[in-house]
Amino acid sequence: MNNPLQIKAIGITDSPELIDIEKPEQGVELHVGSNVFRNTNGVVKLQGKEQLVLETQPQPLALLLTMDLYDEQGTRVGHIRRNALSAHSASRFTIHVKASGEATPDDPPSVTVADRATGHAVFEACFMQRRKIRITVGHFYTHKGHLVTVSPHYCRIGTGLTLFGDVAESRGGAAAIG
């Protein structure tokens, strides 16, 4: 199965030698504030519902965001599909994508969603390194109308749940929060 140690017979069958076979990397490691979700499929599930998906595009290297945006009543007010705002979302939100051509080591490929009315960032994620993505800013609502706040130090949903420094193994599934 997924046993990294395999027995390989060399010459004489009664003298097996243990060899270490490197397992291929799988999944995406998502850093949400100070929390780490290992081996995810790039999906973030908030309060039981898949709300956002982060993917990488190889050439040019860029992040692709798919996300539903809600208001404080839990009404869907916006939708982003692979960095493209739906027609009714474009009047309320803006999206800025920085691909590898414009990125620098200090300013990596990223995707930022901002509210046109306030000018504040609603969501921001950046590509850290191969298979690692960091959600650096979050200030949006879940489908239940609870505010999600992501800072470098924590991830908070409403007033009931705050995560800081947690590490979770997602086993190829979604990063589940709340």
C-alpha atoms as a PDB file:
ATOM      1  CA  MET A   1       0.000   0.000   0.000  1.00  0.00           C
ATOM      2  CA  ASN A   2       1.651   3.261   1.118  1.00  0.00           C
ATOM      3  CA  ASN A   3       4.524   1.609   2.950  1.00  0.00           C
ATOM      4  CA  PRO A   4       7.646   3.628   2.142  1.00  0.00           C
ATOM      5  CA  LEU A   5       9.909   0.693   3.040  1.00  0.00           C
ATOM      6  CA  GLN A   6      10.125  -2.066   0.490  1.00  0.00           C
ATOM      7  CA  ILE A   7      12.144  -5.256   0.539  1.00  0.00           C
ATOM      8  CA  LYS A   8      14.411  -5.756  -2.436  1.00  0.00           C
ATOM      9  CA  ALA A   9      16.256  -9.012  -2.874  1.00  0.00           C
ATOM     10  CA  ILE A  10      19.823  -8.566  -4.042  1.00  0.00           C
ATOM     11  CA  GLY A  11      21.447 -11.700  -5.420  1.00  0.00           C
ATOM     12  CA  ILE A  12      20.655 -14.180  -2.663  1.00  0.00           C
ATOM     13  CA  THR A  13      16.947 -14.347  -1.795  1.00  0.00           C
ATOM     14  CA  ASP A  14      17.570 -14.986   1.901  1.00  0.00           C
ATOM     15  CA  SER A  15      19.401 -11.654   2.382  1.00  0.00           C
ATOM     16  CA  PRO A  16      16.822  -8.979   1.715  1.00  0.00           C
ATOM     17  CA  GLU A  17      17.937  -5.376   1.965  1.00  0.00           C
ATOM     18  CA  LEU A  18      15.600  -2.631   3.129  1.00  0.00           C
ATOM     19  CA  ILE A  19      15.550   0.325   0.839  1.00  0.00           C
ATOM     20  CA  ASP A  20      13.767   3.629   1.259  1.00  0.00           C
ATOM     21  CA  ILE A  21      11.633   4.562  -1.710  1.00  0.00           C
ATOM     22  CA  GLU A  22      10.725   8.230  -1.844  1.00  0.00           C
ATOM     23  CA  LYS A  23       6.965   8.730  -1.978  1.00  0.00           C
ATOM     24  CA  PRO A  24       5.776  11.290  -4.502  1.00  0.00           C
ATOM     25  CA  GLU A  25       4.393  14.491  -3.037  1.00  0.00           C
ATOM     26  CA  GLN A  26       0.646  14.592  -3.029  1.00  0.00           C
ATOM     27  CA  GLY A  27      -1.861  17.308  -2.404  1.00  0.00           C
ATOM     28  CA  VAL A  28      -1.528  20.932  -1.484  1.00  0.00           C
ATOM     29  CA  GLU A  29      -0.388  22.267   1.873  1.00  0.00           C
ATOM     30  CA  LEU A  30      -2.624  25.185   2.858  1.00  0.00           C
ATOM     31  CA  HIS A  31      -1.475  27.681   5.467  1.00  0.00           C
ATOM     32  CA  VAL A  32      -4.492  29.524   6.869  1.00  0.00           C
ATOM     33  CA  GLY A  33      -3.184  32.117   9.290  1.00  0.00           C
ATOM     34  CA  SER A  34      -0.847  30.162  11.575  1.00  0.00           C
ATOM     35  CA  ASN A  35      -2.685  26.882  10.852  1.00  0.00           C
ATOM     36  CA  VAL A  36      -1.435  24.216   8.444  1.00  0.00           C
ATOM     37  CA  PHE A  37      -3.627  21.787   6.524  1.00  0.00           C
ATOM     38  CA  ARG A  38      -1.414  19.130   4.941  1.00  0.00           C
ATOM     39  CA  ASN A  39      -2.183  17.000   1.902  1.00  0.00           C
ATOM     40  CA  THR A  40      -5.383  18.795   0.848  1.00  0.00           C
ATOM     41  CA  ASN A  41      -7.061  18.833  -2.539  1.00  0.00           C
ATOM     42  CA  GLY A  42      -7.049  22.652  -2.416  1.00  0.00           C
ATOM     43  CA  VAL A  43     -10.643  22.887  -1.184  1.00  0.00           C
ATOM     44  CA  VAL A  44     -11.536  24.780   2.002  1.00  0.00           C
ATOM     45  CA  LYS A  45     -14.761  23.683   3.637  1.00  0.00           C
ATOM     46  CA  LEU A  46     -16.223  26.237   6.055  1.00  0.00           C
ATOM     47  CA  GLN A  47     -18.976  25.177   8.444  1.00  0.00           C
ATOM     48  CA  GLY A  48     -19.581  22.025   6.407  1.00  0.00           C
ATOM     49  CA  LYS A  49     -19.782  23.647   2.956  1.00  0.00           C
ATOM     50  CA  GLU A  50     -17.085  23.872   0.285  1.00  0.00           C
ATOM     51  CA  GLN A  51     -16.632  27.622  -0.091  1.00  0.00           C
ATOM     52  CA  LEU A  52     -13.299  28.106  -1.819  1.00  0.00           C
ATOM     53  CA  VAL A  53     -10.831  26.220  -3.970  1.00  0.00           C
ATOM     54  CA  LEU A  54      -7.196  27.133  -4.659  1.00  0.00           C
ATOM     55  CA  GLU A  55      -5.378  25.610  -7.626  1.00  0.00           C
ATOM     56  CA  THR A  56      -2.071  26.298  -9.324  1.00  0.00           C
ATOM     57  CA  GLN A  57      -1.589  26.988 -12.996  1.00  0.00           C
ATOM     58  CA  PRO A  58       1.841  25.848 -14.230  1.00  0.00           C
ATOM     59  CA  GLN A  59       2.627  28.250 -17.130  1.00  0.00           C
ATOM     60  CA  PRO A  60       2.827  31.043 -16.209  1.00  0.00           C
ATOM     61  CA  LEU A  61       2.810  30.060 -12.555  1.00  0.00           C
ATOM     62  CA  ALA A  62      -0.328  31.537 -10.993  1.00  0.00           C
ATOM     63  CA  LEU A  63      -2.946  30.802  -8.371  1.00  0.00           C
ATOM     64  CA  LEU A  64      -6.503  30.102  -9.476  1.00  0.00           C
ATOM     65  CA  LEU A  65      -9.306  30.932  -7.026  1.00  0.00           C
ATOM     66  CA  THR A  66     -12.868  29.632  -7.115  1.00  0.00           C
ATOM     67  CA  MET A  67     -14.985  31.076  -4.303  1.00  0.00           C
ATOM     68  CA  ASP A  68     -18.530  31.873  -3.229  1.00  0.00           C
ATOM     69  CA  LEU A  69     -18.952  35.183  -1.403  1.00  0.00           C
ATOM     70  CA  TYR A  70     -21.775  35.718   1.088  1.00  0.00           C
ATOM     71  CA  ASP A  71     -23.119  38.598   3.157  1.00  0.00           C
ATOM     72  CA  GLU A  72     -23.849  38.675   6.903  1.00  0.00           C
ATOM     73  CA  GLN A  73     -27.288  37.070   6.294  1.00  0.00           C
ATOM     74  CA  GLY A  74     -25.728  34.146   4.395  1.00  0.00           C
ATOM     75  CA  THR A  75     -27.025  35.321   1.005  1.00  0.00           C
ATOM     76  CA  ARG A  76     -24.632  34.675  -1.863  1.00  0.00           C
ATOM     77  CA  VAL A  77     -23.469  38.047  -3.202  1.00  0.00           C
ATOM     78  CA  GLY A  78     -20.607  36.965  -5.438  1.00  0.00           C
ATOM     79  CA  HIS A  79     -18.964  34.107  -7.260  1.00  0.00           C
ATOM     80  CA  ILE A  80     -15.448  33.723  -8.614  1.00  0.00           C
ATOM     81  CA  ARG A  81     -14.590  30.861 -10.975  1.00  0.00           C
ATOM     82  CA  ARG A  82     -10.875  30.360 -11.668  1.00  0.00           C
ATOM     83  CA  ASN A  83     -10.094  34.062 -11.127  1.00  0.00           C
ATOM     84  CA  ALA A  84     -13.057  35.287 -13.212  1.00  0.00           C
ATOM     85  CA  LEU A  85     -15.810  37.224 -11.437  1.00  0.00           C
ATOM     86  CA  SER A  86     -19.373  36.356 -12.415  1.00  0.00           C
ATOM     87  CA  ALA A  87     -21.302  39.170 -14.100  1.00  0.00           C
ATOM     88  CA  HIS A  88     -23.278  40.177 -11.002  1.00  0.00           C
ATOM     89  CA  SER A  89     -20.123  40.062  -8.801  1.00  0.00           C
ATOM     90  CA  ALA A  90     -18.048  42.457 -10.901  1.00  0.00           C
ATOM     91  CA  SER A  91     -19.920  45.525  -9.671  1.00  0.00           C
ATOM     92  CA  ARG A  92     -19.177  44.691  -6.025  1.00  0.00           C
ATOM     93  CA  PHE A  93     -15.726  43.034  -6.084  1.00  0.00           C
ATOM     94  CA  THR A  94     -12.397  43.341  -7.888  1.00  0.00           C
ATOM     95  CA  ILE A  95      -9.822  40.635  -8.378  1.00  0.00           C
ATOM     96  CA  HIS A  96      -6.082  41.103  -8.897  1.00  0.00           C
ATOM     97  CA  VAL A  97      -3.885  38.206 -10.012  1.00  0.00           C
ATOM     98  CA  LYS A  98      -0.101  38.347  -9.946  1.00  0.00           C
ATOM     99  CA  ALA A  99       1.466  35.590 -12.062  1.00  0.00           C
ATOM    100  CA  SER A 100       5.104  34.450 -12.029  1.00  0.00           C
ATOM    101  CA  GLY A 101       6.115  36.958 -14.736  1.00  0.00           C
ATOM    102  CA  GLU A 102       5.314  39.921 -12.454  1.00  0.00           C
ATOM    103  CA  ALA A 103       6.261  38.229  -9.184  1.00  0.00           C
ATOM    104  CA  THR A 104       9.484  38.633  -7.229  1.00  0.00           C
ATOM    105  CA  PRO A 105      10.933  36.525  -4.384  1.00  0.00           C
ATOM    106  CA  ASP A 106       9.611  39.109  -1.920  1.00  0.00           C
ATOM    107  CA  ASP A 107       6.278  39.361  -3.751  1.00  0.00           C
ATOM    108  CA  PRO A 108       5.254  35.846  -4.974  1.00  0.00           C
ATOM    109  CA  PRO A 109       2.369  34.913  -7.308  1.00  0.00           C
ATOM    110  CA  SER A 110      -0.897  35.802  -5.595  1.00  0.00           C
ATOM    111  CA  VAL A 111      -4.611  36.405  -5.955  1.00  0.00           C
ATOM    112  CA  THR A 112      -6.442  39.204  -4.129  1.00  0.00           C
ATOM    113  CA  VAL A 113     -10.178  39.924  -3.940  1.00  0.00           C
ATOM    114  CA  ALA A 114     -11.264  43.371  -2.740  1.00  0.00           C
ATOM    115  CA  ASP A 115     -14.618  44.967  -1.975  1.00  0.00           C
ATOM    116  CA  ARG A 116     -15.171  47.930  -4.323  1.00  0.00           C
ATOM    117  CA  ALA A 117     -17.216  49.860  -1.731  1.00  0.00           C
ATOM    118  CA  THR A 118     -14.620  49.774   1.049  1.00  0.00           C
ATOM    119  CA  GLY A 119     -11.451  49.066  -0.907  1.00  0.00           C
ATOM    120  CA  HIS A 120     -10.466  46.491   1.742  1.00  0.00           C
ATOM    121  CA  ALA A 121      -9.119  43.062   0.870  1.00  0.00           C
ATOM    122  CA  VAL A 122     -11.742  40.351   1.303  1.00  0.00           C
ATOM    123  CA  PHE A 123      -9.379  37.486   0.509  1.00  0.00           C
ATOM    124  CA  GLU A 124      -5.710  37.120  -0.360  1.00  0.00           C
ATOM    125  CA  ALA A 125      -3.580  34.066  -0.994  1.00  0.00           C
ATOM    126  CA  CYS A 126      -0.032  33.668  -2.244  1.00  0.00           C
ATOM    127  CA  PHE A 127       2.103  30.867  -3.571  1.00  0.00           C
ATOM    128  CA  MET A 128       4.828  30.074  -1.023  1.00  0.00           C
ATOM    129  CA  GLN A 129       6.679  27.275  -2.783  1.00  0.00           C
ATOM    130  CA  ARG A 130       5.963  24.071  -4.626  1.00  0.00           C
ATOM    131  CA  ARG A 131       2.630  22.694  -3.333  1.00  0.00           C
ATOM    132  CA  LYS A 132       2.359  25.291  -0.521  1.00  0.00           C
ATOM    133  CA  ILE A 133      -0.191  28.103  -0.548  1.00  0.00           C
ATOM    134  CA  ARG A 134      -0.703  30.681   2.195  1.00  0.00           C
ATOM    135  CA  ILE A 135      -4.012  32.436   2.794  1.00  0.00           C
ATOM    136  CA  THR A 136      -2.742  35.724   4.190  1.00  0.00           C
ATOM    137  CA  VAL A 137      -5.929  37.785   4.466  1.00  0.00           C
ATOM    138  CA  GLY A 138      -9.529  36.834   4.970  1.00  0.00           C
ATOM    139  CA  HIS A 139     -12.489  39.006   5.831  1.00  0.00           C
ATOM    140  CA  PHE A 140     -15.569  37.369   4.355  1.00  0.00           C
ATOM    141  CA  TYR A 141     -18.738  35.518   5.430  1.00  0.00           C
ATOM    142  CA  THR A 142     -19.711  31.839   5.421  1.00  0.00           C
ATOM    143  CA  HIS A 143     -22.950  30.486   3.983  1.00  0.00           C
ATOM    144  CA  LYS A 144     -24.349  30.777   7.524  1.00  0.00           C
ATOM    145  CA  GLY A 145     -23.500  34.485   7.705  1.00  0.00           C
ATOM    146  CA  HIS A 146     -20.593  34.129  10.150  1.00  0.00           C
ATOM    147  CA  LEU A 147     -17.575  36.362   9.610  1.00  0.00           C
ATOM    148  CA  VAL A 148     -14.332  34.584   8.714  1.00  0.00           C
ATOM    149  CA  THR A 149     -11.220  36.500   9.721  1.00  0.00           C
ATOM    150  CA  VAL A 150      -7.766  35.311   8.688  1.00  0.00           C
ATOM    151  CA  SER A 151      -4.664  37.111   9.909  1.00  0.00           C
ATOM    152  CA  PRO A 152      -1.043  35.937  10.023  1.00  0.00           C
ATOM    153  CA  HIS A 153      -1.683  34.665  13.571  1.00  0.00           C
ATOM    154  CA  TYR A 154      -5.125  33.013  13.515  1.00  0.00           C
ATOM    155  CA  CYS A 155      -8.249  31.961  11.655  1.00  0.00           C
ATOM    156  CA  ARG A 156     -11.558  32.870  13.285  1.00  0.00           C
ATOM    157  CA  ILE A 157     -15.152  32.019  12.348  1.00  0.00           C
ATOM    158  CA  GLY A 158     -17.721  34.187  14.095  1.00  0.00           C
ATOM    159  CA  THR A 159     -17.206  34.435  17.828  1.00  0.00           C
ATOM    160  CA  GLY A 160     -17.185  30.711  18.530  1.00  0.00           C
ATOM    161  CA  LEU A 161     -14.116  29.271  16.825  1.00  0.00           C
ATOM    162  CA  THR A 162     -10.543  30.507  16.698  1.00  0.00           C
ATOM    163  CA  LEU A 163      -7.675  28.368  15.417  1.00  0.00           C
ATOM    164  CA  PHE A 164      -4.037  29.221  15.960  1.00  0.00           C
ATOM    165  CA  GLY A 165      -1.068  26.986  15.378  1.00  0.00           C
ATOM    166  CA  ASP A 166      -3.126  23.887  14.534  1.00  0.00           C
ATOM    167  CA  VAL A 167      -1.730  21.281  12.131  1.00  0.00           C
ATOM    168  CA  ALA A 168      -4.184  18.930  10.419  1.00  0.00           C
ATOM    169  CA  GLU A 169      -3.715  16.066   7.970  1.00  0.00           C
ATOM    170  CA  SER A 170      -6.452  16.204   5.323  1.00  0.00           C
ATOM    171  CA  ARG A 171      -5.546  12.903   3.592  1.00  0.00           C
ATOM    172  CA  GLY A 172      -6.235  14.234   0.118  1.00  0.00           C
ATOM    173  CA  GLY A 173      -9.554  15.841   1.057  1.00  0.00           C
ATOM    174  CA  ALA A 174     -10.743  19.307   1.932  1.00  0.00           C
ATOM    175  CA  ALA A 175      -9.350  21.504   4.697  1.00  0.00           C
ATOM    176  CA  ALA A 176     -12.340  21.537   7.054  1.00  0.00           C
ATOM    177  CA  ILE A 177     -12.746  24.536   9.362  1.00  0.00           C
ATOM    178  CA  GLY A 178     -15.723  24.834  11.676  1.00  0.00           C
END
